[in-house]
Amino acid sequence: MPRSVNHVASRARRKKILKETKGNFLARKNVWTVAKNTYEKGLQYAYRDRKTKKRNFRALWIQRINAAARMEGLSYSQLIGMLKKSNIDINRKVLADLAMNQPQAFKAIVDQVKK
């Protein structure tokens, strides 16, 4: 009696990965072993870069806050220190957004901590 290999399921698994690698260059999109390696490496990059994205955004927010603070005559570290001392809890994401889109509100916060 011939061996049953459930070809339907194995083909479905391969098709799923080949669908994910669609758009890659040369053999990376249609040769099973190469596409499988590409897919797995892509998952590694995705996991790593989810962490890196948070790091990059925090750095961007700090740069924006620093630029706006220097226009008010303070450095970034001085501003953050004054915020902590004044017990004003505002995170860097919101502070950077205010600095970019609502400079008057950012100036009001700076004036509040300068007192």
PDB file of N, CA and C in Angstrom:
ATOM      1  N   MET A   1       0.847  -1.172   0.000  1.00  0.00           N
ATOM      2  CA  MET A   1       0.000   0.000   0.000  1.00  0.00           C
ATOM      3  C   MET A   1       0.900   1.246   0.000  1.00  0.00           C
ATOM      4  N   PRO A   2       0.603   2.211  -0.877  1.00  0.00           N
ATOM      5  CA  PRO A   2       1.455   3.397  -0.950  1.00  0.00           C
ATOM      6  C   PRO A   2       1.315   4.268   0.310  1.00  0.00           C
ATOM      7  N   ARG A   3       2.392   5.008   0.551  1.00  0.00           N
ATOM      8  CA  ARG A   3       2.432   5.870   1.735  1.00  0.00           C
ATOM      9  C   ARG A   3       1.624   7.142   1.465  1.00  0.00           C
ATOM     10  N   SER A   4       0.834   7.555   2.428  1.00  0.00           N
ATOM     11  CA  SER A   4       0.060   8.785   2.292  1.00  0.00           C
ATOM     12  C   SER A   4       0.872   9.956   2.858  1.00  0.00           C
ATOM     13  N   VAL A   5       0.997  11.005   2.063  1.00  0.00           N
ATOM     14  CA  VAL A   5       1.850  12.111   2.494  1.00  0.00           C
ATOM     15  C   VAL A   5       1.070  13.409   2.705  1.00  0.00           C
ATOM     16  N   ASN A   6      -0.235  13.383   2.513  1.00  0.00           N
ATOM     17  CA  ASN A   6      -1.064  14.583   2.694  1.00  0.00           C
ATOM     18  C   ASN A   6      -0.501  15.751   1.887  1.00  0.00           C
ATOM     19  N   HIS A   7      -0.451  15.541   0.601  1.00  0.00           N
ATOM     20  CA  HIS A   7       0.134  16.535  -0.294  1.00  0.00           C
ATOM     21  C   HIS A   7      -0.636  17.855  -0.273  1.00  0.00           C
ATOM     22  N   VAL A   8      -1.918  17.790   0.006  1.00  0.00           N
ATOM     23  CA  VAL A   8      -2.725  19.011   0.039  1.00  0.00           C
ATOM     24  C   VAL A   8      -2.196  19.957   1.118  1.00  0.00           C
ATOM     25  N   ALA A   9      -1.928  19.438   2.303  1.00  0.00           N
ATOM     26  CA  ALA A   9      -1.467  20.276   3.416  1.00  0.00           C
ATOM     27  C   ALA A   9      -0.060  20.803   3.172  1.00  0.00           C
ATOM     28  N   SER A  10       0.828  19.950   2.656  1.00  0.00           N
ATOM     29  CA  SER A  10       2.203  20.398   2.433  1.00  0.00           C
ATOM     30  C   SER A  10       2.262  21.444   1.320  1.00  0.00           C
ATOM     31  N   ARG A  11       1.446  21.274   0.287  1.00  0.00           N
ATOM     32  CA  ARG A  11       1.402  22.275  -0.780  1.00  0.00           C
ATOM     33  C   ARG A  11       0.838  23.593  -0.246  1.00  0.00           C
ATOM     34  N   ALA A  12      -0.153  23.511   0.624  1.00  0.00           N
ATOM     35  CA  ALA A  12      -0.742  24.727   1.202  1.00  0.00           C
ATOM     36  C   ALA A  12       0.290  25.479   2.041  1.00  0.00           C
ATOM     37  N   ARG A  13       1.099  24.744   2.794  1.00  0.00           N
ATOM     38  CA  ARG A  13       2.151  25.378   3.595  1.00  0.00           C
ATOM     39  C   ARG A  13       3.138  26.107   2.698  1.00  0.00           C
ATOM     40  N   ARG A  14       3.540  25.452   1.607  1.00  0.00           N
ATOM     41  CA  ARG A  14       4.500  26.065   0.689  1.00  0.00           C
ATOM     42  C   ARG A  14       3.898  27.288   0.005  1.00  0.00           C
ATOM     43  N   LYS A  15       2.636  27.158  -0.421  1.00  0.00           N
ATOM     44  CA  LYS A  15       1.987  28.285  -1.101  1.00  0.00           C
ATOM     45  C   LYS A  15       1.888  29.495  -0.181  1.00  0.00           C
ATOM     46  N   LYS A  16       1.641  29.248   1.105  1.00  0.00           N
ATOM     47  CA  LYS A  16       1.526  30.352   2.062  1.00  0.00           C
ATOM     48  C   LYS A  16       2.835  31.136   2.144  1.00  0.00           C
ATOM     49  N   ILE A  17       3.951  30.418   2.206  1.00  0.00           N
ATOM     50  CA  ILE A  17       5.252  31.082   2.302  1.00  0.00           C
ATOM     51  C   ILE A  17       5.619  31.739   0.972  1.00  0.00           C
ATOM     52  N   LEU A  18       5.333  31.073  -0.139  1.00  0.00           N
ATOM     53  CA  LEU A  18       5.629  31.670  -1.441  1.00  0.00           C
ATOM     54  C   LEU A  18       4.789  32.931  -1.676  1.00  0.00           C
ATOM     55  N   LYS A  19       3.581  32.957  -1.133  1.00  0.00           N
ATOM     56  CA  LYS A  19       2.757  34.150  -1.241  1.00  0.00           C
ATOM     57  C   LYS A  19       3.381  35.300  -0.444  1.00  0.00           C
ATOM     58  N   GLU A  20       3.944  34.994   0.720  1.00  0.00           N
ATOM     59  CA  GLU A  20       4.580  36.013   1.551  1.00  0.00           C
ATOM     60  C   GLU A  20       5.848  36.584   0.913  1.00  0.00           C
ATOM     61  N   THR A  21       6.542  35.774   0.115  1.00  0.00           N
ATOM     62  CA  THR A  21       7.796  36.232  -0.487  1.00  0.00           C
ATOM     63  C   THR A  21       7.581  36.840  -1.878  1.00  0.00           C
ATOM     64  N   LYS A  22       6.329  36.994  -2.268  1.00  0.00           N
ATOM     65  CA  LYS A  22       6.021  37.598  -3.563  1.00  0.00           C
ATOM     66  C   LYS A  22       6.601  39.005  -3.598  1.00  0.00           C
ATOM     67  N   GLY A  23       7.244  39.357  -4.694  1.00  0.00           N
ATOM     68  CA  GLY A  23       7.827  40.681  -4.823  1.00  0.00           C
ATOM     69  C   GLY A  23       9.322  40.701  -4.576  1.00  0.00           C
ATOM     70  N   ASN A  24       9.881  39.589  -4.103  1.00  0.00           N
ATOM     71  CA  ASN A  24      11.325  39.518  -3.928  1.00  0.00           C
ATOM     72  C   ASN A  24      11.995  39.295  -5.277  1.00  0.00           C
ATOM     73  N   PHE A  25      13.309  39.415  -5.289  1.00  0.00           N
ATOM     74  CA  PHE A  25      14.090  39.381  -6.518  1.00  0.00           C
ATOM     75  C   PHE A  25      14.530  37.957  -6.843  1.00  0.00           C
ATOM     76  N   LEU A  26      14.472  37.609  -8.118  1.00  0.00           N
ATOM     77  CA  LEU A  26      14.953  36.331  -8.654  1.00  0.00           C
ATOM     78  C   LEU A  26      14.399  35.126  -7.909  1.00  0.00           C
ATOM     79  N   ALA A  27      15.268  34.221  -7.470  1.00  0.00           N
ATOM     80  CA  ALA A  27      14.825  32.955  -6.890  1.00  0.00           C
ATOM     81  C   ALA A  27      14.199  33.124  -5.515  1.00  0.00           C
ATOM     82  N   ARG A  28      14.377  34.283  -4.904  1.00  0.00           N
ATOM     83  CA  ARG A  28      13.865  34.497  -3.554  1.00  0.00           C
ATOM     84  C   ARG A  28      12.340  34.466  -3.516  1.00  0.00           C
ATOM     85  N   LYS A  29      11.693  34.578  -4.676  1.00  0.00           N
ATOM     86  CA  LYS A  29      10.234  34.576  -4.692  1.00  0.00           C
ATOM     87  C   LYS A  29       9.617  33.243  -5.111  1.00  0.00           C
ATOM     88  N   ASN A  30      10.363  32.369  -5.797  1.00  0.00           N
ATOM     89  CA  ASN A  30       9.690  31.192  -6.334  1.00  0.00           C
ATOM     90  C   ASN A  30      10.428  29.867  -6.148  1.00  0.00           C
ATOM     91  N   VAL A  31      11.662  29.874  -5.660  1.00  0.00           N
ATOM     92  CA  VAL A  31      12.358  28.619  -5.374  1.00  0.00           C
ATOM     93  C   VAL A  31      12.144  28.320  -3.893  1.00  0.00           C
ATOM     94  N   TRP A  32      11.570  27.168  -3.601  1.00  0.00           N
ATOM     95  CA  TRP A  32      11.075  26.875  -2.261  1.00  0.00           C
ATOM     96  C   TRP A  32      12.129  27.074  -1.172  1.00  0.00           C
ATOM     97  N   THR A  33      13.316  26.481  -1.329  1.00  0.00           N
ATOM     98  CA  THR A  33      14.302  26.549  -0.243  1.00  0.00           C
ATOM     99  C   THR A  33      14.797  27.977  -0.048  1.00  0.00           C
ATOM    100  N   VAL A  34      15.001  28.704  -1.135  1.00  0.00           N
ATOM    101  CA  VAL A  34      15.471  30.085  -1.042  1.00  0.00           C
ATOM    102  C   VAL A  34      14.369  30.966  -0.459  1.00  0.00           C
ATOM    103  N   ALA A  35      13.140  30.775  -0.915  1.00  0.00           N
ATOM    104  CA  ALA A  35      12.015  31.570  -0.429  1.00  0.00           C
ATOM    105  C   ALA A  35      11.777  31.327   1.056  1.00  0.00           C
ATOM    106  N   LYS A  36      11.946  30.091   1.495  1.00  0.00           N
ATOM    107  CA  LYS A  36      11.744  29.761   2.912  1.00  0.00           C
ATOM    108  C   LYS A  36      12.771  30.483   3.767  1.00  0.00           C
ATOM    109  N   ASN A  37      14.031  30.491   3.316  1.00  0.00           N
ATOM    110  CA  ASN A  37      15.078  31.210   4.052  1.00  0.00           C
ATOM    111  C   ASN A  37      14.793  32.708   4.082  1.00  0.00           C
ATOM    112  N   THR A  38      14.358  33.257   2.950  1.00  0.00           N
ATOM    113  CA  THR A  38      14.022  34.677   2.867  1.00  0.00           C
ATOM    114  C   THR A  38      12.905  35.030   3.834  1.00  0.00           C
ATOM    115  N   TYR A  39      11.887  34.171   3.865  1.00  0.00           N
ATOM    116  CA  TYR A  39      10.727  34.396   4.737  1.00  0.00           C
ATOM    117  C   TYR A  39      11.149  34.388   6.205  1.00  0.00           C
ATOM    118  N   GLU A  40      11.945  33.396   6.587  1.00  0.00           N
ATOM    119  CA  GLU A  40      12.370  33.289   7.988  1.00  0.00           C
ATOM    120  C   GLU A  40      13.260  34.461   8.389  1.00  0.00           C
ATOM    121  N   LYS A  41      14.147  34.872   7.490  1.00  0.00           N
ATOM    122  CA  LYS A  41      15.011  36.014   7.782  1.00  0.00           C
ATOM    123  C   LYS A  41      14.179  37.290   7.901  1.00  0.00           C
ATOM    124  N   GLY A  42      13.149  37.402   7.075  1.00  0.00           N
ATOM    125  CA  GLY A  42      12.250  38.550   7.161  1.00  0.00           C
ATOM    126  C   GLY A  42      11.545  38.634   8.499  1.00  0.00           C
ATOM    127  N   LEU A  43      11.160  37.485   9.038  1.00  0.00           N
ATOM    128  CA  LEU A  43      10.530  37.466  10.363  1.00  0.00           C
ATOM    129  C   LEU A  43      11.512  37.913  11.439  1.00  0.00           C
ATOM    130  N   GLN A  44      12.781  37.528  11.292  1.00  0.00           N
ATOM    131  CA  GLN A  44      13.805  37.967  12.250  1.00  0.00           C
ATOM    132  C   GLN A  44      13.971  39.479  12.200  1.00  0.00           C
ATOM    133  N   TYR A  45      14.026  40.024  10.973  1.00  0.00           N
ATOM    134  CA  TYR A  45      14.167  41.470  10.826  1.00  0.00           C
ATOM    135  C   TYR A  45      12.952  42.194  11.424  1.00  0.00           C
ATOM    136  N   ALA A  46      11.768  41.646  11.199  1.00  0.00           N
ATOM    137  CA  ALA A  46      10.551  42.275  11.706  1.00  0.00           C
ATOM    138  C   ALA A  46      10.560  42.321  13.230  1.00  0.00           C
ATOM    139  N   TYR A  47      10.983  41.228  13.865  1.00  0.00           N
ATOM    140  CA  TYR A  47      11.045  41.175  15.324  1.00  0.00           C
ATOM    141  C   TYR A  47      12.047  42.192  15.849  1.00  0.00           C
ATOM    142  N   ARG A  48      13.222  42.216  15.234  1.00  0.00           N
ATOM    143  CA  ARG A  48      14.281  43.132  15.670  1.00  0.00           C
ATOM    144  C   ARG A  48      13.854  44.588  15.493  1.00  0.00           C
ATOM    145  N   ASP A  49      13.242  44.884  14.341  1.00  0.00           N
ATOM    146  CA  ASP A  49      12.946  46.267  14.018  1.00  0.00           C
ATOM    147  C   ASP A  49      11.726  46.810  14.745  1.00  0.00           C
ATOM    148  N   ARG A  50      10.899  45.933  15.306  1.00  0.00           N
ATOM    149  CA  ARG A  50       9.837  46.439  16.171  1.00  0.00           C
ATOM    150  C   ARG A  50      10.433  47.095  17.399  1.00  0.00           C
ATOM    151  N   LYS A  51      11.553  46.564  17.871  1.00  0.00           N
ATOM    152  CA  LYS A  51      12.257  47.168  19.013  1.00  0.00           C
ATOM    153  C   LYS A  51      12.995  48.436  18.574  1.00  0.00           C
ATOM    154  N   THR A  52      13.640  48.378  17.419  1.00  0.00           N
ATOM    155  CA  THR A  52      14.428  49.508  16.918  1.00  0.00           C
ATOM    156  C   THR A  52      13.540  50.713  16.639  1.00  0.00           C
ATOM    157  N   LYS A  53      12.319  50.460  16.176  1.00  0.00           N
ATOM    158  CA  LYS A  53      11.392  51.537  15.855  1.00  0.00           C
ATOM    159  C   LYS A  53      11.114  52.398  17.089  1.00  0.00           C
ATOM    160  N   LYS A  54      10.935  51.756  18.228  1.00  0.00           N
ATOM    161  CA  LYS A  54      10.684  52.493  19.469  1.00  0.00           C
ATOM    162  C   LYS A  54      11.876  53.373  19.822  1.00  0.00           C
ATOM    163  N   ARG A  55      13.069  52.835  19.639  1.00  0.00           N
ATOM    164  CA  ARG A  55      14.310  53.563  19.908  1.00  0.00           C
ATOM    165  C   ARG A  55      14.424  54.786  18.995  1.00  0.00           C
ATOM    166  N   ASN A  56      14.139  54.570  17.717  1.00  0.00           N
ATOM    167  CA  ASN A  56      14.270  55.651  16.741  1.00  0.00           C
ATOM    168  C   ASN A  56      13.282  56.785  17.000  1.00  0.00           C
ATOM    169  N   PHE A  57      12.044  56.421  17.358  1.00  0.00           N
ATOM    170  CA  PHE A  57      11.055  57.455  17.618  1.00  0.00           C
ATOM    171  C   PHE A  57      11.400  58.257  18.861  1.00  0.00           C
ATOM    172  N   ARG A  58      11.890  57.586  19.896  1.00  0.00           N
ATOM    173  CA  ARG A  58      12.280  58.316  21.102  1.00  0.00           C
ATOM    174  C   ARG A  58      13.399  59.312  20.776  1.00  0.00           C
ATOM    175  N   ALA A  59      14.364  58.901  19.986  1.00  0.00           N
ATOM    176  CA  ALA A  59      15.458  59.795  19.592  1.00  0.00           C
ATOM    177  C   ALA A  59      14.924  60.989  18.798  1.00  0.00           C
ATOM    178  N   LEU A  60      13.964  60.750  17.914  1.00  0.00           N
ATOM    179  CA  LEU A  60      13.363  61.827  17.123  1.00  0.00           C
ATOM    180  C   LEU A  60      12.640  62.823  18.025  1.00  0.00           C
ATOM    181  N   TRP A  61      11.875  62.290  18.991  1.00  0.00           N
ATOM    182  CA  TRP A  61      11.156  63.178  19.909  1.00  0.00           C
ATOM    183  C   TRP A  61      12.124  64.044  20.698  1.00  0.00           C
ATOM    184  N   ILE A  62      13.220  63.451  21.155  1.00  0.00           N
ATOM    185  CA  ILE A  62      14.209  64.195  21.936  1.00  0.00           C
ATOM    186  C   ILE A  62      14.833  65.304  21.088  1.00  0.00           C
ATOM    187  N   GLN A  63      15.133  65.018  19.831  1.00  0.00           N
ATOM    188  CA  GLN A  63      15.706  66.036  18.945  1.00  0.00           C
ATOM    189  C   GLN A  63      14.732  67.196  18.739  1.00  0.00           C
ATOM    190  N   ARG A  64      13.465  66.885  18.569  1.00  0.00           N
ATOM    191  CA  ARG A  64      12.470  67.932  18.352  1.00  0.00           C
ATOM    192  C   ARG A  64      12.282  68.787  19.608  1.00  0.00           C
ATOM    193  N   ILE A  65      12.234  68.136  20.757  1.00  0.00           N
ATOM    194  CA  ILE A  65      12.099  68.874  22.017  1.00  0.00           C
ATOM    195  C   ILE A  65      13.318  69.761  22.238  1.00  0.00           C
ATOM    196  N   ASN A  66      14.492  69.235  21.967  1.00  0.00           N
ATOM    197  CA  ASN A  66      15.730  69.986  22.144  1.00  0.00           C
ATOM    198  C   ASN A  66      15.741  71.229  21.253  1.00  0.00           C
ATOM    199  N   ALA A  67      15.338  71.071  20.000  1.00  0.00           N
ATOM    200  CA  ALA A  67      15.325  72.207  19.067  1.00  0.00           C
ATOM    201  C   ALA A  67      14.360  73.293  19.553  1.00  0.00           C
ATOM    202  N   ALA A  68      13.174  72.885  20.005  1.00  0.00           N
ATOM    203  CA  ALA A  68      12.187  73.855  20.472  1.00  0.00           C
ATOM    204  C   ALA A  68      12.628  74.495  21.782  1.00  0.00           C
ATOM    205  N   ALA A  69      13.252  73.707  22.658  1.00  0.00           N
ATOM    206  CA  ALA A  69      13.708  74.229  23.948  1.00  0.00           C
ATOM    207  C   ALA A  69      14.813  75.254  23.742  1.00  0.00           C
ATOM    208  N   ARG A  70      15.697  75.016  22.811  1.00  0.00           N
ATOM    209  CA  ARG A  70      16.798  75.951  22.557  1.00  0.00           C
ATOM    210  C   ARG A  70      16.275  77.283  22.012  1.00  0.00           C
ATOM    211  N   MET A  71      15.156  77.245  21.308  1.00  0.00           N
ATOM    212  CA  MET A  71      14.541  78.496  20.856  1.00  0.00           C
ATOM    213  C   MET A  71      13.993  79.291  22.041  1.00  0.00           C
ATOM    214  N   GLU A  72      13.738  78.610  23.142  1.00  0.00           N
ATOM    215  CA  GLU A  72      13.248  79.260  24.365  1.00  0.00           C
ATOM    216  C   GLU A  72      14.387  79.554  25.342  1.00  0.00           C
ATOM    217  N   GLY A  73      15.616  79.251  24.942  1.00  0.00           N
ATOM    218  CA  GLY A  73      16.766  79.572  25.781  1.00  0.00           C
ATOM    219  C   GLY A  73      17.140  78.489  26.773  1.00  0.00           C
ATOM    220  N   LEU A  74      16.681  77.276  26.577  1.00  0.00           N
ATOM    221  CA  LEU A  74      17.012  76.142  27.454  1.00  0.00           C
ATOM    222  C   LEU A  74      17.591  75.019  26.616  1.00  0.00           C
ATOM    223  N   SER A  75      18.312  74.122  27.273  1.00  0.00           N
ATOM    224  CA  SER A  75      18.713  72.886  26.604  1.00  0.00           C
ATOM    225  C   SER A  75      17.676  71.818  26.934  1.00  0.00           C
ATOM    226  N   TYR A  76      17.763  70.708  26.249  1.00  0.00           N
ATOM    227  CA  TYR A  76      16.837  69.596  26.483  1.00  0.00           C
ATOM    228  C   TYR A  76      16.932  69.107  27.929  1.00  0.00           C
ATOM    229  N   SER A  77      18.165  68.898  28.398  1.00  0.00           N
ATOM    230  CA  SER A  77      18.325  68.345  29.746  1.00  0.00           C
ATOM    231  C   SER A  77      17.834  69.318  30.814  1.00  0.00           C
ATOM    232  N   GLN A  78      18.046  70.613  30.599  1.00  0.00           N
ATOM    233  CA  GLN A  78      17.543  71.602  31.549  1.00  0.00           C
ATOM    234  C   GLN A  78      16.017  71.574  31.589  1.00  0.00           C
ATOM    235  N   LEU A  79      15.392  71.503  30.419  1.00  0.00           N
ATOM    236  CA  LEU A  79      13.931  71.476  30.345  1.00  0.00           C
ATOM    237  C   LEU A  79      13.373  70.250  31.053  1.00  0.00           C
ATOM    238  N   ILE A  80      13.926  69.079  30.777  1.00  0.00           N
ATOM    239  CA  ILE A  80      13.430  67.848  31.391  1.00  0.00           C
ATOM    240  C   ILE A  80      13.633  67.900  32.911  1.00  0.00           C
ATOM    241  N   GLY A  81      14.788  68.422  33.340  1.00  0.00           N
ATOM    242  CA  GLY A  81      15.039  68.555  34.770  1.00  0.00           C
ATOM    243  C   GLY A  81      14.034  69.470  35.442  1.00  0.00           C
ATOM    244  N   MET A  82      13.715  70.594  34.799  1.00  0.00           N
ATOM    245  CA  MET A  82      12.736  71.530  35.350  1.00  0.00           C
ATOM    246  C   MET A  82      11.326  70.928  35.374  1.00  0.00           C
ATOM    247  N   LEU A  83      10.997  70.136  34.336  1.00  0.00           N
ATOM    248  CA  LEU A  83       9.693  69.473  34.313  1.00  0.00           C
ATOM    249  C   LEU A  83       9.560  68.503  35.485  1.00  0.00           C
ATOM    250  N   LYS A  84      10.621  67.743  35.742  1.00  0.00           N
ATOM    251  CA  LYS A  84      10.595  66.782  36.856  1.00  0.00           C
ATOM    252  C   LYS A  84      10.457  67.525  38.182  1.00  0.00           C
ATOM    253  N   LYS A  85      11.216  68.625  38.315  1.00  0.00           N
ATOM    254  CA  LYS A  85      11.197  69.392  39.561  1.00  0.00           C
ATOM    255  C   LYS A  85       9.832  70.036  39.802  1.00  0.00           C
ATOM    256  N   SER A  86       9.167  70.432  38.710  1.00  0.00           N
ATOM    257  CA  SER A  86       7.853  71.079  38.813  1.00  0.00           C
ATOM    258  C   SER A  86       6.713  70.071  38.910  1.00  0.00           C
ATOM    259  N   ASN A  87       7.044  68.774  38.908  1.00  0.00           N
ATOM    260  CA  ASN A  87       6.046  67.692  38.952  1.00  0.00           C
ATOM    261  C   ASN A  87       5.048  67.783  37.798  1.00  0.00           C
ATOM    262  N   ILE A  88       5.547  68.157  36.634  1.00  0.00           N
ATOM    263  CA  ILE A  88       4.710  68.159  35.422  1.00  0.00           C
ATOM    264  C   ILE A  88       5.003  66.864  34.687  1.00  0.00           C
ATOM    265  N   ASP A  89       4.030  65.968  34.693  1.00  0.00           N
ATOM    266  CA  ASP A  89       4.191  64.672  34.030  1.00  0.00           C
ATOM    267  C   ASP A  89       3.656  64.764  32.608  1.00  0.00           C
ATOM    268  N   ILE A  90       4.553  64.903  31.668  1.00  0.00           N
ATOM    269  CA  ILE A  90       4.187  64.933  30.251  1.00  0.00           C
ATOM    270  C   ILE A  90       5.256  64.145  29.507  1.00  0.00           C
ATOM    271  N   ASN A  91       4.814  63.194  28.706  1.00  0.00           N
ATOM    272  CA  ASN A  91       5.813  62.341  28.058  1.00  0.00           C
ATOM    273  C   ASN A  91       6.423  63.002  26.834  1.00  0.00           C
ATOM    274  N   ARG A  92       7.498  62.434  26.354  1.00  0.00           N
ATOM    275  CA  ARG A  92       8.266  63.040  25.278  1.00  0.00           C
ATOM    276  C   ARG A  92       7.496  63.075  23.964  1.00  0.00           C
ATOM    277  N   LYS A  93       6.656  62.075  23.752  1.00  0.00           N
ATOM    278  CA  LYS A  93       5.875  62.032  22.515  1.00  0.00           C
ATOM    279  C   LYS A  93       4.946  63.249  22.435  1.00  0.00           C
ATOM    280  N   VAL A  94       4.236  63.516  23.511  1.00  0.00           N
ATOM    281  CA  VAL A  94       3.289  64.636  23.542  1.00  0.00           C
ATOM    282  C   VAL A  94       4.047  65.959  23.498  1.00  0.00           C
ATOM    283  N   LEU A  95       5.149  66.036  24.235  1.00  0.00           N
ATOM    284  CA  LEU A  95       5.947  67.255  24.271  1.00  0.00           C
ATOM    285  C   LEU A  95       6.502  67.592  22.876  1.00  0.00           C
ATOM    286  N   ALA A  96       6.970  66.574  22.168  1.00  0.00           N
ATOM    287  CA  ALA A  96       7.494  66.780  20.814  1.00  0.00           C
ATOM    288  C   ALA A  96       6.385  67.217  19.862  1.00  0.00           C
ATOM    289  N   ASP A  97       5.194  66.637  20.028  1.00  0.00           N
ATOM    290  CA  ASP A  97       4.061  67.016  19.183  1.00  0.00           C
ATOM    291  C   ASP A  97       3.682  68.473  19.429  1.00  0.00           C
ATOM    292  N   LEU A  98       3.672  68.881  20.689  1.00  0.00           N
ATOM    293  CA  LEU A  98       3.371  70.277  21.004  1.00  0.00           C
ATOM    294  C   LEU A  98       4.436  71.202  20.410  1.00  0.00           C
ATOM    295  N   ALA A  99       5.688  70.809  20.530  1.00  0.00           N
ATOM    296  CA  ALA A  99       6.785  71.625  20.013  1.00  0.00           C
ATOM    297  C   ALA A  99       6.671  71.819  18.508  1.00  0.00           C
ATOM    298  N   MET A 100       6.244  70.785  17.794  1.00  0.00           N
ATOM    299  CA  MET A 100       6.145  70.861  16.338  1.00  0.00           C
ATOM    300  C   MET A 100       4.878  71.583  15.873  1.00  0.00           C
ATOM    301  N   ASN A 101       3.736  71.207  16.453  1.00  0.00           N
ATOM    302  CA  ASN A 101       2.455  71.640  15.898  1.00  0.00           C
ATOM    303  C   ASN A 101       1.801  72.793  16.648  1.00  0.00           C
ATOM    304  N   GLN A 102       2.147  72.975  17.929  1.00  0.00           N
ATOM    305  CA  GLN A 102       1.539  74.051  18.717  1.00  0.00           C
ATOM    306  C   GLN A 102       2.609  74.744  19.551  1.00  0.00           C
ATOM    307  N   PRO A 103       3.413  75.583  18.906  1.00  0.00           N
ATOM    308  CA  PRO A 103       4.525  76.223  19.625  1.00  0.00           C
ATOM    309  C   PRO A 103       4.081  77.095  20.795  1.00  0.00           C
ATOM    310  N   GLN A 104       2.860  77.668  20.698  1.00  0.00           N
ATOM    311  CA  GLN A 104       2.383  78.505  21.802  1.00  0.00           C
ATOM    312  C   GLN A 104       2.160  77.670  23.057  1.00  0.00           C
ATOM    313  N   ALA A 105       1.602  76.482  22.899  1.00  0.00           N
ATOM    314  CA  ALA A 105       1.375  75.594  24.041  1.00  0.00           C
ATOM    315  C   ALA A 105       2.712  75.139  24.631  1.00  0.00           C
ATOM    316  N   PHE A 106       3.671  74.854  23.763  1.00  0.00           N
ATOM    317  CA  PHE A 106       5.001  74.458  24.246  1.00  0.00           C
ATOM    318  C   PHE A 106       5.640  75.606  25.014  1.00  0.00           C
ATOM    319  N   LYS A 107       5.489  76.821  24.493  1.00  0.00           N
ATOM    320  CA  LYS A 107       6.050  78.004  25.170  1.00  0.00           C
ATOM    321  C   LYS A 107       5.394  78.202  26.527  1.00  0.00           C
ATOM    322  N   ALA A 108       4.097  77.933  26.617  1.00  0.00           N
ATOM    323  CA  ALA A 108       3.379  78.060  27.901  1.00  0.00           C
ATOM    324  C   ALA A 108       3.925  77.065  28.927  1.00  0.00           C
ATOM    325  N   ILE A 109       4.217  75.865  28.481  1.00  0.00           N
ATOM    326  CA  ILE A 109       4.797  74.849  29.385  1.00  0.00           C
ATOM    327  C   ILE A 109       6.176  75.307  29.853  1.00  0.00           C
ATOM    328  N   VAL A 110       6.987  75.825  28.933  1.00  0.00           N
ATOM    329  CA  VAL A 110       8.331  76.295  29.283  1.00  0.00           C
ATOM    330  C   VAL A 110       8.246  77.443  30.286  1.00  0.00           C
ATOM    331  N   ASP A 111       7.317  78.374  30.041  1.00  0.00           N
ATOM    332  CA  ASP A 111       7.134  79.496  30.956  1.00  0.00           C
ATOM    333  C   ASP A 111       6.708  79.004  32.342  1.00  0.00           C
ATOM    334  N   GLN A 112       5.870  77.985  32.360  1.00  0.00           N
ATOM    335  CA  GLN A 112       5.385  77.418  33.637  1.00  0.00           C
ATOM    336  C   GLN A 112       6.547  76.821  34.434  1.00  0.00           C
ATOM    337  N   VAL A 113       7.466  76.123  33.768  1.00  0.00           N
ATOM    338  CA  VAL A 113       8.569  75.500  34.504  1.00  0.00           C
ATOM    339  C   VAL A 113       9.662  76.498  34.845  1.00  0.00           C
ATOM    340  N   LYS A 114       9.732  77.619  34.128  1.00  0.00           N
ATOM    341  CA  LYS A 114      10.749  78.624  34.435  1.00  0.00           C
ATOM    342  C   LYS A 114      10.438  79.378  35.722  1.00  0.00           C
ATOM    343  N   LYS A 115       9.156  79.401  36.135  1.00  0.00           N
ATOM    344  CA  LYS A 115       8.762  80.116  37.343  1.00  0.00           C
ATOM    345  C   LYS A 115       9.348  79.485  38.591  1.00  0.00           C
TER     346      LYS A 115
END
